[in-house]
Amino acid sequence: MLISLTNKAAKKIKSLNHKNMNFRVFIIGGGCSGFKYDFVLDEKIKKNDFLIKTLGINIIIDEISLQYLSGSVIDYIENIEEEKFIIKNPYMKNKCNCGYSFDI
């Protein structure tokens, strides 16, 4: 599978998604290590997007981000300090000290 979700991440996406929109995952440049992940609920699927259906969620990802995210697992963590989606990426080499950016 190109990208997969944990049950915890799927449950959180469903709780946020009241209009049954797609869950878009993408990489943007930035941070101290070069790249950052971002997530957004999106109605539109663009011409060069890939659609992945898993656990009742439609994940969309553009072809550029896909080359960096293939084989990744999206999870959701919730503890006393933070709540956030995280990506377990098999290609990630380095992560900055603050944990918000990475290098591939």
N, C-alpha and C. Protein backbone atom coordinates (compact mmCIF):
# COMPACT_ATOMS: atom_id res chain seq x y z
N MET A 1 0.84 -1.17 0.00
CA MET A 1 0.00 0.00 0.00
C MET A 1 0.89 1.24 0.00
N LEU A 2 0.46 2.27 -0.69
CA LEU A 2 1.25 3.48 -0.80
C LEU A 2 1.38 4.20 0.54
N ILE A 3 0.26 4.43 1.21
CA ILE A 3 0.22 5.05 2.53
C ILE A 3 -0.87 4.35 3.32
N SER A 4 -0.62 4.13 4.60
CA SER A 4 -1.66 3.50 5.41
C SER A 4 -1.94 4.34 6.65
N LEU A 5 -3.06 4.05 7.28
CA LEU A 5 -3.51 4.73 8.49
C LEU A 5 -3.59 3.74 9.63
N THR A 6 -3.33 4.21 10.83
CA THR A 6 -3.65 3.39 11.99
C THR A 6 -5.13 3.58 12.29
N ASN A 7 -5.69 2.69 13.06
CA ASN A 7 -7.10 2.83 13.46
C ASN A 7 -7.33 4.12 14.24
N LYS A 8 -6.36 4.51 15.06
CA LYS A 8 -6.48 5.73 15.85
C LYS A 8 -6.54 6.96 14.94
N ALA A 9 -5.71 7.00 13.90
CA ALA A 9 -5.71 8.13 12.96
C ALA A 9 -7.03 8.17 12.18
N ALA A 10 -7.51 7.02 11.74
CA ALA A 10 -8.78 6.96 10.99
C ALA A 10 -9.93 7.46 11.86
N LYS A 11 -9.95 7.07 13.12
CA LYS A 11 -11.01 7.51 14.02
C LYS A 11 -10.98 9.03 14.21
N LYS A 12 -9.78 9.60 14.35
CA LYS A 12 -9.67 11.05 14.53
C LYS A 12 -10.10 11.79 13.26
N ILE A 13 -9.70 11.32 12.10
CA ILE A 13 -10.09 11.95 10.84
C ILE A 13 -11.61 11.94 10.70
N LYS A 14 -12.23 10.81 11.02
CA LYS A 14 -13.69 10.72 10.94
C LYS A 14 -14.36 11.70 11.89
N SER A 15 -13.78 11.91 13.06
CA SER A 15 -14.38 12.84 14.03
C SER A 15 -14.26 14.30 13.58
N LEU A 16 -13.26 14.61 12.78
CA LEU A 16 -13.06 15.98 12.28
C LEU A 16 -13.81 16.25 11.00
N ASN A 17 -14.15 15.18 10.29
CA ASN A 17 -14.64 15.29 8.93
C ASN A 17 -16.15 15.12 8.87
N HIS A 18 -16.88 16.20 9.09
CA HIS A 18 -18.34 16.13 9.12
C HIS A 18 -18.97 16.22 7.73
N LYS A 19 -18.19 16.55 6.72
CA LYS A 19 -18.74 16.69 5.37
C LYS A 19 -18.24 15.58 4.44
N ASN A 20 -17.63 14.54 5.00
CA ASN A 20 -17.08 13.43 4.21
C ASN A 20 -16.14 13.90 3.11
N MET A 21 -15.24 14.80 3.49
CA MET A 21 -14.24 15.30 2.56
C MET A 21 -13.04 14.36 2.54
N ASN A 22 -12.15 14.59 1.59
CA ASN A 22 -10.93 13.80 1.47
C ASN A 22 -9.86 14.33 2.42
N PHE A 23 -9.01 13.45 2.89
CA PHE A 23 -7.90 13.81 3.77
C PHE A 23 -6.65 13.94 2.91
N ARG A 24 -6.21 15.18 2.68
CA ARG A 24 -5.03 15.42 1.84
C ARG A 24 -3.78 15.45 2.71
N VAL A 25 -2.76 14.72 2.27
CA VAL A 25 -1.46 14.68 2.93
C VAL A 25 -0.43 15.19 1.92
N PHE A 26 0.43 16.09 2.39
CA PHE A 26 1.45 16.59 1.46
C PHE A 26 2.69 17.06 2.21
N ILE A 27 3.75 17.24 1.45
CA ILE A 27 5.02 17.72 1.98
C ILE A 27 5.24 19.12 1.44
N ILE A 28 5.71 20.00 2.34
CA ILE A 28 6.08 21.35 1.92
C ILE A 28 7.51 21.62 2.39
N GLY A 29 8.18 22.52 1.72
CA GLY A 29 9.51 22.92 2.14
C GLY A 29 9.41 23.79 3.37
N GLY A 30 10.38 23.66 4.26
CA GLY A 30 10.39 24.52 5.44
C GLY A 30 10.98 23.84 6.64
N GLY A 31 11.09 24.60 7.69
CA GLY A 31 11.65 24.07 8.92
C GLY A 31 13.17 24.02 8.85
N CYS A 32 13.78 23.63 9.94
CA CYS A 32 15.24 23.62 9.97
C CYS A 32 15.86 22.42 9.25
N SER A 33 15.07 21.41 8.94
CA SER A 33 15.63 20.24 8.25
C SER A 33 15.21 20.11 6.79
N GLY A 34 14.37 21.00 6.29
CA GLY A 34 14.08 20.98 4.86
C GLY A 34 12.64 20.72 4.46
N PHE A 35 11.96 19.77 5.09
CA PHE A 35 10.59 19.42 4.72
C PHE A 35 9.69 19.37 5.95
N LYS A 36 8.40 19.61 5.71
CA LYS A 36 7.39 19.44 6.76
C LYS A 36 6.19 18.73 6.14
N TYR A 37 5.47 18.00 6.98
CA TYR A 37 4.21 17.37 6.56
C TYR A 37 3.08 18.35 6.82
N ASP A 38 2.04 18.24 6.02
CA ASP A 38 0.84 19.00 6.30
C ASP A 38 -0.38 18.16 5.92
N PHE A 39 -1.50 18.47 6.54
CA PHE A 39 -2.75 17.74 6.36
C PHE A 39 -3.87 18.74 6.22
N VAL A 40 -4.84 18.45 5.35
CA VAL A 40 -5.99 19.33 5.20
C VAL A 40 -7.17 18.50 4.68
N LEU A 41 -8.37 18.87 5.07
CA LEU A 41 -9.57 18.26 4.49
C LEU A 41 -9.86 19.00 3.19
N ASP A 42 -10.06 18.25 2.12
CA ASP A 42 -10.15 18.85 0.78
C ASP A 42 -11.28 18.20 -0.01
N GLU A 43 -12.08 19.02 -0.67
CA GLU A 43 -13.17 18.51 -1.51
C GLU A 43 -12.68 18.00 -2.85
N LYS A 44 -11.64 18.63 -3.38
CA LYS A 44 -11.24 18.38 -4.76
C LYS A 44 -10.11 17.37 -4.88
N ILE A 45 -10.23 16.55 -5.89
CA ILE A 45 -9.14 15.67 -6.28
C ILE A 45 -8.62 16.22 -7.60
N LYS A 46 -7.35 16.60 -7.60
CA LYS A 46 -6.75 17.22 -8.78
C LYS A 46 -6.28 16.17 -9.77
N LYS A 47 -5.99 16.61 -10.97
CA LYS A 47 -5.63 15.73 -12.08
C LYS A 47 -4.50 14.74 -11.75
N ASN A 48 -3.46 15.20 -11.09
CA ASN A 48 -2.30 14.34 -10.81
C ASN A 48 -2.28 13.79 -9.39
N ASP A 49 -3.41 13.84 -8.69
CA ASP A 49 -3.50 13.28 -7.35
C ASP A 49 -3.70 11.77 -7.39
N PHE A 50 -3.25 11.12 -6.35
CA PHE A 50 -3.53 9.70 -6.14
C PHE A 50 -4.57 9.60 -5.04
N LEU A 51 -5.51 8.69 -5.21
CA LEU A 51 -6.55 8.47 -4.22
C LEU A 51 -6.33 7.10 -3.59
N ILE A 52 -6.23 7.09 -2.27
CA ILE A 52 -6.04 5.85 -1.52
C ILE A 52 -7.22 5.71 -0.58
N LYS A 53 -7.93 4.60 -0.66
CA LYS A 53 -9.07 4.35 0.21
C LYS A 53 -8.67 3.30 1.24
N THR A 54 -8.79 3.69 2.50
CA THR A 54 -8.44 2.77 3.57
C THR A 54 -9.21 3.13 4.84
N LEU A 55 -9.71 2.13 5.53
CA LEU A 55 -10.43 2.28 6.80
C LEU A 55 -11.55 3.32 6.73
N GLY A 56 -12.20 3.41 5.58
CA GLY A 56 -13.31 4.33 5.41
C GLY A 56 -12.89 5.78 5.17
N ILE A 57 -11.62 6.00 4.90
CA ILE A 57 -11.06 7.34 4.66
C ILE A 57 -10.52 7.39 3.23
N ASN A 58 -10.78 8.51 2.55
CA ASN A 58 -10.15 8.77 1.25
C ASN A 58 -8.94 9.66 1.49
N ILE A 59 -7.76 9.14 1.25
CA ILE A 59 -6.53 9.91 1.37
C ILE A 59 -6.16 10.36 -0.04
N ILE A 60 -5.86 11.64 -0.21
CA ILE A 60 -5.37 12.11 -1.50
C ILE A 60 -3.97 12.68 -1.30
N ILE A 61 -3.14 12.45 -2.29
CA ILE A 61 -1.75 12.88 -2.21
C ILE A 61 -1.28 13.23 -3.62
N ASP A 62 -0.58 14.34 -3.74
CA ASP A 62 -0.07 14.73 -5.04
C ASP A 62 1.14 13.86 -5.41
N GLU A 63 1.46 13.81 -6.70
CA GLU A 63 2.50 12.88 -7.14
C GLU A 63 3.89 13.25 -6.63
N ILE A 64 4.17 14.52 -6.39
CA ILE A 64 5.47 14.91 -5.85
C ILE A 64 5.61 14.44 -4.41
N SER A 65 4.59 14.68 -3.60
CA SER A 65 4.64 14.24 -2.20
C SER A 65 4.67 12.71 -2.09
N LEU A 66 4.00 12.04 -3.02
CA LEU A 66 3.95 10.58 -2.98
C LEU A 66 5.34 9.96 -3.05
N GLN A 67 6.22 10.54 -3.83
CA GLN A 67 7.55 9.96 -3.95
C GLN A 67 8.32 10.00 -2.62
N TYR A 68 7.95 10.92 -1.73
CA TYR A 68 8.59 11.01 -0.41
C TYR A 68 7.82 10.28 0.68
N LEU A 69 6.57 9.93 0.42
CA LEU A 69 5.71 9.35 1.45
C LEU A 69 5.34 7.89 1.23
N SER A 70 5.67 7.35 0.09
CA SER A 70 5.31 5.97 -0.21
C SER A 70 5.82 5.03 0.88
N GLY A 71 4.95 4.18 1.37
CA GLY A 71 5.31 3.23 2.43
C GLY A 71 5.14 3.77 3.84
N SER A 72 4.68 5.02 3.96
CA SER A 72 4.52 5.64 5.28
C SER A 72 3.22 5.22 5.96
N VAL A 73 3.20 5.39 7.27
CA VAL A 73 2.02 5.12 8.07
C VAL A 73 1.65 6.41 8.80
N ILE A 74 0.38 6.82 8.68
CA ILE A 74 -0.12 8.00 9.39
C ILE A 74 -0.75 7.53 10.69
N ASP A 75 -0.30 8.11 11.79
CA ASP A 75 -0.82 7.77 13.10
C ASP A 75 -1.29 9.06 13.78
N TYR A 76 -1.97 8.90 14.89
CA TYR A 76 -2.43 10.05 15.66
C TYR A 76 -2.04 9.82 17.12
N ILE A 77 -1.40 10.83 17.71
CA ILE A 77 -1.03 10.71 19.13
C ILE A 77 -1.78 11.77 19.93
N GLU A 78 -2.11 11.40 21.12
CA GLU A 78 -2.83 12.30 22.03
C GLU A 78 -2.34 12.01 23.44
N ASN A 79 -1.70 13.02 24.03
CA ASN A 79 -1.25 12.87 25.40
C ASN A 79 -1.37 14.21 26.11
N ILE A 80 -0.87 14.31 27.29
CA ILE A 80 -1.03 15.53 28.08
C ILE A 80 -0.32 16.73 27.45
N GLU A 81 0.70 16.49 26.66
CA GLU A 81 1.47 17.57 26.05
C GLU A 81 0.97 18.00 24.68
N GLU A 82 0.39 17.07 23.92
CA GLU A 82 0.04 17.40 22.54
C GLU A 82 -0.95 16.42 21.93
N GLU A 83 -1.59 16.87 20.86
CA GLU A 83 -2.42 16.02 20.01
C GLU A 83 -1.99 16.34 18.58
N LYS A 84 -1.68 15.30 17.80
CA LYS A 84 -1.28 15.57 16.42
C LYS A 84 -1.20 14.29 15.61
N PHE A 85 -1.30 14.49 14.30
CA PHE A 85 -1.03 13.41 13.37
C PHE A 85 0.48 13.33 13.20
N ILE A 86 0.98 12.12 13.10
CA ILE A 86 2.41 11.92 12.83
C ILE A 86 2.53 10.95 11.66
N ILE A 87 3.64 11.03 10.98
CA ILE A 87 3.90 10.12 9.87
C ILE A 87 5.16 9.33 10.19
N LYS A 88 5.02 8.02 10.14
CA LYS A 88 6.17 7.12 10.29
C LYS A 88 6.65 6.83 8.87
N ASN A 89 7.72 7.51 8.48
CA ASN A 89 8.21 7.49 7.11
C ASN A 89 9.49 6.66 7.03
N PRO A 90 9.50 5.58 6.24
CA PRO A 90 10.69 4.74 6.16
C PRO A 90 11.88 5.41 5.48
N TYR A 91 11.64 6.53 4.79
CA TYR A 91 12.72 7.22 4.07
C TYR A 91 13.31 8.39 4.84
N MET A 92 12.74 8.76 5.98
CA MET A 92 13.22 9.89 6.74
C MET A 92 14.61 9.59 7.29
N LYS A 93 15.55 10.49 7.02
CA LYS A 93 16.92 10.31 7.51
C LYS A 93 17.16 11.05 8.82
N ASN A 94 16.79 12.33 8.84
CA ASN A 94 17.04 13.17 10.01
C ASN A 94 15.78 13.94 10.36
N LYS A 95 15.65 14.22 11.63
CA LYS A 95 14.54 15.02 12.14
C LYS A 95 15.15 16.15 12.97
N CYS A 96 14.59 17.34 12.85
CA CYS A 96 15.13 18.46 13.63
C CYS A 96 14.81 18.27 15.10
N ASN A 97 15.46 19.05 15.94
CA ASN A 97 15.27 18.91 17.40
C ASN A 97 13.85 19.21 17.84
N CYS A 98 13.19 20.15 17.17
CA CYS A 98 11.81 20.48 17.58
C CYS A 98 10.81 19.44 17.08
N GLY A 99 11.22 18.59 16.13
CA GLY A 99 10.35 17.51 15.66
C GLY A 99 9.36 17.88 14.58
N TYR A 100 9.44 19.10 14.05
CA TYR A 100 8.46 19.53 13.05
C TYR A 100 8.95 19.48 11.62
N SER A 101 10.23 19.21 11.41
CA SER A 101 10.71 19.09 10.03
C SER A 101 11.68 17.93 9.93
N PHE A 102 11.97 17.52 8.70
CA PHE A 102 12.79 16.34 8.48
C PHE A 102 13.55 16.46 7.18
N ASP A 103 14.44 15.51 6.96
CA ASP A 103 15.24 15.43 5.74
C ASP A 103 15.11 14.01 5.20
N ILE A 104 15.10 13.92 3.88
CA ILE A 104 15.02 12.61 3.23
C ILE A 104 16.26 12.38 2.40
